[in-house]
Amino acid sequence: MEKVIDLNKTPKKKLIDLLKELRGTEDRYILTANGIPLAVVMSQDEYEKYLVQGQAEVQAGMEEFLAKVRPRMDHNLSEEELAKEINDVIHEMRGIK
């Protein structure tokens, strides 16, 4: 669950108490000042899960990229031609023509 905490309206003691409450939860706090989001605070466990999920997404993206590049690879290409093919695949994956 996400909760918004305005730093200008929350006493320091209350912030410390809220941070202690994060331990062992999946909660996240969005810290704001004057209605502008500044940071997200989450428990260490949630942060580690977030990192693992991010790494898995990067790995999946790399595998998708390689799956698109491999069939197009010609081992007789020059470095410039290979760089262009790779750049074309990146643009294709991003939806850029």
N, C-alpha and C. Protein backbone atom coordinates (compact mmCIF):
# COMPACT_ATOMS: atom_id res chain seq x y z
N MET A 1 0.84 -1.18 0.00
CA MET A 1 0.00 0.00 0.00
C MET A 1 0.88 1.24 0.00
N GLU A 2 0.47 2.26 -0.74
CA GLU A 2 1.21 3.50 -0.77
C GLU A 2 0.50 4.55 0.07
N LYS A 3 1.28 5.30 0.80
CA LYS A 3 0.76 6.40 1.59
C LYS A 3 1.55 7.65 1.23
N VAL A 4 0.87 8.77 1.12
CA VAL A 4 1.54 10.03 0.83
C VAL A 4 1.78 10.77 2.14
N ILE A 5 3.01 11.21 2.34
CA ILE A 5 3.37 11.93 3.56
C ILE A 5 3.94 13.29 3.16
N ASP A 6 3.31 14.36 3.63
CA ASP A 6 3.79 15.71 3.34
C ASP A 6 4.83 16.07 4.40
N LEU A 7 6.05 16.25 3.97
CA LEU A 7 7.15 16.55 4.90
C LEU A 7 6.96 17.87 5.61
N ASN A 8 6.24 18.79 4.98
CA ASN A 8 6.02 20.10 5.61
C ASN A 8 4.97 20.04 6.72
N LYS A 9 4.16 18.99 6.72
CA LYS A 9 3.06 18.90 7.68
C LYS A 9 3.22 17.77 8.69
N THR A 10 4.30 17.01 8.59
CA THR A 10 4.48 15.85 9.45
C THR A 10 5.64 16.10 10.41
N PRO A 11 5.39 16.03 11.70
CA PRO A 11 6.47 16.23 12.67
C PRO A 11 7.55 15.15 12.53
N LYS A 12 8.79 15.52 12.85
CA LYS A 12 9.92 14.61 12.72
C LYS A 12 9.70 13.32 13.51
N LYS A 13 9.15 13.40 14.69
CA LYS A 13 8.89 12.21 15.52
C LYS A 13 7.94 11.27 14.80
N LYS A 14 6.90 11.82 14.17
CA LYS A 14 5.93 11.01 13.45
C LYS A 14 6.60 10.32 12.25
N LEU A 15 7.51 11.02 11.55
CA LEU A 15 8.24 10.42 10.43
C LEU A 15 9.06 9.23 10.89
N ILE A 16 9.74 9.39 12.01
CA ILE A 16 10.56 8.29 12.55
C ILE A 16 9.68 7.10 12.89
N ASP A 17 8.53 7.36 13.50
CA ASP A 17 7.60 6.28 13.83
C ASP A 17 7.09 5.57 12.56
N LEU A 18 6.79 6.35 11.53
CA LEU A 18 6.31 5.77 10.27
C LEU A 18 7.39 4.90 9.63
N LEU A 19 8.64 5.35 9.68
CA LEU A 19 9.74 4.57 9.12
C LEU A 19 9.91 3.25 9.86
N LYS A 20 9.76 3.28 11.17
CA LYS A 20 9.86 2.05 11.95
C LYS A 20 8.74 1.08 11.60
N GLU A 21 7.57 1.61 11.26
CA GLU A 21 6.42 0.77 10.90
C GLU A 21 6.61 0.05 9.57
N LEU A 22 7.52 0.53 8.73
CA LEU A 22 7.74 -0.09 7.41
C LEU A 22 8.33 -1.49 7.51
N ARG A 23 9.11 -1.73 8.54
CA ARG A 23 9.81 -3.01 8.66
C ARG A 23 8.81 -4.17 8.57
N GLY A 24 9.11 -5.07 7.64
CA GLY A 24 8.29 -6.28 7.50
C GLY A 24 6.98 -6.07 6.76
N THR A 25 6.79 -4.90 6.14
CA THR A 25 5.56 -4.66 5.39
C THR A 25 5.88 -4.44 3.91
N GLU A 26 4.84 -4.43 3.11
CA GLU A 26 4.99 -4.12 1.70
C GLU A 26 4.59 -2.67 1.42
N ASP A 27 4.38 -1.91 2.48
CA ASP A 27 3.96 -0.52 2.33
C ASP A 27 5.09 0.34 1.75
N ARG A 28 4.68 1.40 1.08
CA ARG A 28 5.62 2.39 0.57
C ARG A 28 5.08 3.76 0.93
N TYR A 29 5.96 4.67 1.26
CA TYR A 29 5.58 6.04 1.56
C TYR A 29 6.12 6.94 0.47
N ILE A 30 5.25 7.78 -0.08
CA ILE A 30 5.68 8.79 -1.04
C ILE A 30 5.83 10.09 -0.24
N LEU A 31 7.05 10.58 -0.17
CA LEU A 31 7.32 11.81 0.56
C LEU A 31 7.15 12.99 -0.37
N THR A 32 6.37 13.97 0.07
CA THR A 32 6.12 15.15 -0.75
C THR A 32 6.45 16.41 0.04
N ALA A 33 6.66 17.47 -0.69
CA ALA A 33 6.81 18.81 -0.10
C ALA A 33 6.07 19.76 -1.03
N ASN A 34 5.12 20.48 -0.48
CA ASN A 34 4.30 21.40 -1.26
C ASN A 34 3.60 20.68 -2.42
N GLY A 35 3.18 19.43 -2.18
CA GLY A 35 2.46 18.66 -3.18
C GLY A 35 3.34 18.05 -4.26
N ILE A 36 4.65 18.24 -4.16
CA ILE A 36 5.57 17.71 -5.17
C ILE A 36 6.24 16.45 -4.62
N PRO A 37 6.10 15.31 -5.31
CA PRO A 37 6.77 14.08 -4.85
C PRO A 37 8.28 14.25 -4.86
N LEU A 38 8.92 13.83 -3.77
CA LEU A 38 10.37 13.93 -3.63
C LEU A 38 11.06 12.58 -3.62
N ALA A 39 10.44 11.61 -2.96
CA ALA A 39 11.09 10.32 -2.80
C ALA A 39 10.05 9.27 -2.42
N VAL A 40 10.46 8.02 -2.59
CA VAL A 40 9.65 6.89 -2.14
C VAL A 40 10.47 6.14 -1.11
N VAL A 41 9.85 5.81 0.00
CA VAL A 41 10.53 5.07 1.06
C VAL A 41 9.84 3.73 1.19
N MET A 42 10.66 2.65 1.24
CA MET A 42 10.12 1.31 1.40
C MET A 42 11.05 0.51 2.31
N SER A 43 10.57 -0.61 2.79
CA SER A 43 11.39 -1.45 3.67
C SER A 43 12.55 -2.05 2.87
N GLN A 44 13.57 -2.47 3.58
CA GLN A 44 14.73 -3.10 2.94
C GLN A 44 14.31 -4.34 2.16
N ASP A 45 13.41 -5.14 2.75
CA ASP A 45 12.93 -6.35 2.07
C ASP A 45 12.25 -6.01 0.75
N GLU A 46 11.40 -4.98 0.76
CA GLU A 46 10.71 -4.56 -0.47
C GLU A 46 11.70 -4.03 -1.49
N TYR A 47 12.71 -3.31 -1.03
CA TYR A 47 13.73 -2.77 -1.92
C TYR A 47 14.49 -3.90 -2.61
N GLU A 48 14.84 -4.94 -1.85
CA GLU A 48 15.55 -6.08 -2.43
C GLU A 48 14.68 -6.80 -3.45
N LYS A 49 13.38 -6.94 -3.17
CA LYS A 49 12.46 -7.54 -4.14
C LYS A 49 12.40 -6.68 -5.41
N TYR A 50 12.37 -5.37 -5.23
CA TYR A 50 12.33 -4.43 -6.34
C TYR A 50 13.57 -4.59 -7.21
N LEU A 51 14.73 -4.71 -6.59
CA LEU A 51 15.98 -4.89 -7.34
C LEU A 51 15.97 -6.19 -8.14
N VAL A 52 15.53 -7.27 -7.51
CA VAL A 52 15.48 -8.57 -8.19
C VAL A 52 14.52 -8.51 -9.37
N GLN A 53 13.36 -7.88 -9.17
CA GLN A 53 12.38 -7.75 -10.25
C GLN A 53 12.97 -6.93 -11.39
N GLY A 54 13.67 -5.86 -11.06
CA GLY A 54 14.29 -5.03 -12.09
C GLY A 54 15.33 -5.80 -12.88
N GLN A 55 16.13 -6.59 -12.19
CA GLN A 55 17.15 -7.39 -12.87
C GLN A 55 16.50 -8.43 -13.78
N ALA A 56 15.39 -9.01 -13.33
CA ALA A 56 14.68 -10.00 -14.15
C ALA A 56 14.13 -9.33 -15.41
N GLU A 57 13.62 -8.11 -15.28
CA GLU A 57 13.09 -7.39 -16.44
C GLU A 57 14.20 -7.04 -17.42
N VAL A 58 15.36 -6.65 -16.91
CA VAL A 58 16.50 -6.37 -17.78
C VAL A 58 16.92 -7.64 -18.51
N GLN A 59 16.99 -8.75 -17.79
CA GLN A 59 17.37 -10.02 -18.41
C GLN A 59 16.38 -10.41 -19.50
N ALA A 60 15.09 -10.26 -19.22
CA ALA A 60 14.07 -10.61 -20.21
C ALA A 60 14.20 -9.71 -21.43
N GLY A 61 14.47 -8.43 -21.22
CA GLY A 61 14.65 -7.51 -22.33
C GLY A 61 15.86 -7.87 -23.17
N MET A 62 16.93 -8.27 -22.50
CA MET A 62 18.15 -8.67 -23.22
C MET A 62 17.89 -9.92 -24.04
N GLU A 63 17.17 -10.88 -23.46
CA GLU A 63 16.86 -12.11 -24.19
C GLU A 63 15.97 -11.82 -25.41
N GLU A 64 15.02 -10.91 -25.24
CA GLU A 64 14.16 -10.52 -26.37
C GLU A 64 15.01 -9.84 -27.46
N PHE A 65 15.90 -8.97 -27.04
CA PHE A 65 16.78 -8.28 -27.97
C PHE A 65 17.63 -9.28 -28.75
N LEU A 66 18.26 -10.20 -28.03
CA LEU A 66 19.12 -11.20 -28.69
C LEU A 66 18.31 -12.09 -29.63
N ALA A 67 17.09 -12.43 -29.24
CA ALA A 67 16.24 -13.27 -30.10
C ALA A 67 15.94 -12.55 -31.42
N LYS A 68 15.85 -11.22 -31.38
CA LYS A 68 15.58 -10.47 -32.60
C LYS A 68 16.85 -10.24 -33.41
N VAL A 69 17.98 -10.14 -32.75
CA VAL A 69 19.24 -9.86 -33.44
C VAL A 69 19.82 -11.10 -34.09
N ARG A 70 19.81 -12.23 -33.39
CA ARG A 70 20.47 -13.44 -33.88
C ARG A 70 20.08 -13.83 -35.31
N PRO A 71 18.78 -13.87 -35.63
CA PRO A 71 18.43 -14.28 -37.00
C PRO A 71 18.94 -13.31 -38.07
N ARG A 72 19.18 -12.09 -37.70
CA ARG A 72 19.61 -11.08 -38.66
C ARG A 72 21.13 -10.97 -38.75
N MET A 73 21.82 -11.73 -37.93
CA MET A 73 23.27 -11.61 -37.90
C MET A 73 23.91 -12.34 -39.07
N ASP A 74 24.76 -11.63 -39.72
CA ASP A 74 25.56 -12.17 -40.80
C ASP A 74 27.00 -12.02 -40.34
N HIS A 75 27.68 -13.11 -40.17
CA HIS A 75 29.04 -13.05 -39.62
C HIS A 75 30.04 -12.40 -40.57
N ASN A 76 29.59 -12.08 -41.77
CA ASN A 76 30.46 -11.42 -42.72
C ASN A 76 30.27 -9.90 -42.73
N LEU A 77 29.44 -9.39 -41.81
CA LEU A 77 29.20 -7.95 -41.74
C LEU A 77 30.42 -7.23 -41.17
N SER A 78 30.61 -6.02 -41.64
CA SER A 78 31.65 -5.18 -41.05
C SER A 78 31.14 -4.68 -39.70
N GLU A 79 32.03 -4.11 -38.90
CA GLU A 79 31.62 -3.59 -37.59
C GLU A 79 30.55 -2.51 -37.76
N GLU A 80 30.70 -1.67 -38.78
CA GLU A 80 29.72 -0.60 -39.02
C GLU A 80 28.36 -1.17 -39.38
N GLU A 81 28.35 -2.20 -40.24
CA GLU A 81 27.08 -2.82 -40.65
C GLU A 81 26.42 -3.53 -39.46
N LEU A 82 27.22 -4.19 -38.64
CA LEU A 82 26.69 -4.86 -37.46
C LEU A 82 26.12 -3.83 -36.49
N ALA A 83 26.83 -2.73 -36.29
CA ALA A 83 26.34 -1.66 -35.40
C ALA A 83 25.02 -1.12 -35.92
N LYS A 84 24.89 -0.96 -37.23
CA LYS A 84 23.64 -0.47 -37.81
C LYS A 84 22.51 -1.47 -37.58
N GLU A 85 22.77 -2.76 -37.78
CA GLU A 85 21.74 -3.79 -37.54
C GLU A 85 21.28 -3.76 -36.09
N ILE A 86 22.23 -3.67 -35.16
CA ILE A 86 21.88 -3.62 -33.73
C ILE A 86 21.06 -2.37 -33.44
N ASN A 87 21.47 -1.25 -33.98
CA ASN A 87 20.74 0.00 -33.78
C ASN A 87 19.33 -0.11 -34.35
N ASP A 88 19.18 -0.73 -35.52
CA ASP A 88 17.87 -0.93 -36.12
C ASP A 88 16.96 -1.76 -35.22
N VAL A 89 17.51 -2.82 -34.62
CA VAL A 89 16.71 -3.68 -33.72
C VAL A 89 16.30 -2.90 -32.49
N ILE A 90 17.21 -2.11 -31.94
CA ILE A 90 16.87 -1.30 -30.76
C ILE A 90 15.73 -0.36 -31.09
N HIS A 91 15.82 0.32 -32.22
CA HIS A 91 14.75 1.24 -32.62
C HIS A 91 13.44 0.49 -32.85
N GLU A 92 13.54 -0.69 -33.45
CA GLU A 92 12.35 -1.51 -33.69
C GLU A 92 11.68 -1.87 -32.38
N MET A 93 12.47 -2.25 -31.39
CA MET A 93 11.91 -2.65 -30.09
C MET A 93 11.30 -1.46 -29.37
N ARG A 94 11.83 -0.27 -29.59
CA ARG A 94 11.30 0.93 -28.96
C ARG A 94 10.14 1.54 -29.74
N GLY A 95 9.87 0.98 -30.91
CA GLY A 95 8.79 1.49 -31.73
C GLY A 95 9.17 2.73 -32.53
N ILE A 96 10.48 2.91 -32.72
CA ILE A 96 10.97 4.05 -33.49
C ILE A 96 11.29 3.57 -34.89
N LYS A 97 10.90 4.35 -35.86
CA LYS A 97 11.19 3.97 -37.26
C LYS A 97 12.29 4.82 -37.82
